[in-house]
Amino acid sequence: MRYDPHPEPALVHAEGVQYAATDLATALAGVFQASHTVDTISARPQLTVWTPIRPLHLLNLTDLWAVRNGAANSLAAAARSTGRAWARAIHTTRPDLDGLWTRSTMTGRPTVVLWNPAADSFPPAPDFSRPLADPTLHAIVERIAVDELHYQVL
């Protein structure tokens, strides 16, 4: 993915990454971007909402940080290899960070990229977790997918 801080070459690494959307449209756009079809059935996808149990220490890439550090705000839309190189450099020089606050390349809305230091921020249980096929959730997913994203829904 774009902000994975794993060293090259791409192998199995101990560094984990969690990409979290801050809204449902961004989550749907990101997960189903290849097909533009929200398949609520095949892989039995779930919507899981959680609240960190401690404040997260995130580097804000949505302000002028990129410019001040030799890049540009277009870093979020650069090649994934470029984003990964920046993530490795940030992660190496700032091991205190839980991750990044950035914008989705799909919707432009905020997203969070969490790295290993954020592991202790996850709650023991989510606030909410349901299959996208749940009738009530499916109705909400369908409205957002169709009206906002112009995606199909199965």
Foldseek 3Di string as FASTA:
>chain_A
DQQAQDDPDDDDDPKDKDKFAPDDLLVQCVVCVVALEAELPDVQDKDFAAFFPDDFAAAELCDCPQVVVPHDNCSLVDPSVSSNVVNNVCCVVCVVHQFYWHARPRPRHTMTMGIDVSPNRTDPGTPDMDRCVPVVNVVVSCCSSCVPVVGHYD
